[in-house]
Amino acid sequence: MCTFIEDYLQNPTIAILNARASADSRFAEFECDDQMIYAQISTPEFRLYEEITVS
């Protein structure tokens, strides 16, 4: 990713494909399913963050 600009100037299509592959592999380790998300939403901490950001 540090050479994205140089790669993009040489071949934009390949540079974008490489960046997407890099992002996909970077976030592949985060396993989160719907149950985990809904469990987090019901926590008091989430409600606090929600109040802070919405108000």
Protein backbone atom coordinates (compact mmCIF):
# COMPACT_ATOMS: atom_id res chain seq x y z
CA MET A 1 0.00 0.00 0.00
CA CYS A 2 2.93 2.33 0.49
CA THR A 3 3.60 2.31 -3.26
CA PHE A 4 -0.03 2.74 -4.30
CA ILE A 5 0.51 6.07 -6.03
CA GLU A 6 3.46 4.81 -8.03
CA ASP A 7 1.59 1.62 -8.92
CA TYR A 8 -1.51 3.61 -9.85
CA LEU A 9 0.45 5.83 -12.20
CA GLN A 10 1.84 2.78 -13.96
CA ASN A 11 -1.33 0.67 -14.08
CA PRO A 12 -4.48 1.91 -12.29
CA THR A 13 -6.43 -1.34 -12.63
CA ILE A 14 -3.72 -3.50 -11.09
CA ALA A 15 -3.09 -0.96 -8.32
CA ILE A 16 -6.77 -0.95 -7.33
CA LEU A 17 -6.99 -4.75 -7.42
CA ASN A 18 -3.89 -5.00 -5.22
CA ALA A 19 -5.28 -2.46 -2.76
CA ARG A 20 -8.57 -4.36 -2.51
CA ALA A 21 -6.77 -7.65 -1.96
CA SER A 22 -4.65 -6.05 0.73
CA ALA A 23 -7.72 -4.63 2.50
CA ASP A 24 -9.59 -7.93 2.24
CA SER A 25 -6.71 -9.85 3.80
CA ARG A 26 -6.25 -7.22 6.50
CA PHE A 27 -9.88 -7.43 7.65
CA ALA A 28 -10.31 -11.18 7.14
CA GLU A 29 -9.19 -11.86 10.71
CA PHE A 30 -12.20 -9.99 12.12
CA GLU A 31 -14.86 -12.60 12.48
CA CYS A 32 -18.12 -10.99 13.39
CA ASP A 33 -21.56 -12.32 12.89
CA ASP A 34 -25.01 -10.87 13.46
CA GLN A 35 -25.36 -12.38 16.92
CA MET A 36 -22.14 -10.76 18.11
CA ILE A 37 -23.19 -7.38 16.73
CA TYR A 38 -26.62 -7.52 18.37
CA ALA A 39 -25.05 -8.63 21.65
CA GLN A 40 -22.78 -5.58 21.61
CA ILE A 41 -25.61 -3.20 20.77
CA SER A 42 -27.48 -4.25 23.90
CA THR A 43 -24.60 -3.39 26.24
CA PRO A 44 -24.62 -0.30 28.47
CA GLU A 45 -21.33 0.83 26.93
CA PHE A 46 -22.91 0.97 23.49
CA ARG A 47 -25.81 3.02 24.85
CA LEU A 48 -23.33 5.46 26.38
CA TYR A 49 -21.40 5.81 23.11
CA GLU A 50 -24.68 6.24 21.28
CA GLU A 51 -25.74 9.06 23.61
CA ILE A 52 -22.36 10.75 23.27
CA THR A 53 -22.30 10.64 19.49
CA VAL A 54 -25.96 11.38 18.78
CA SER A 55 -26.39 14.31 21.14
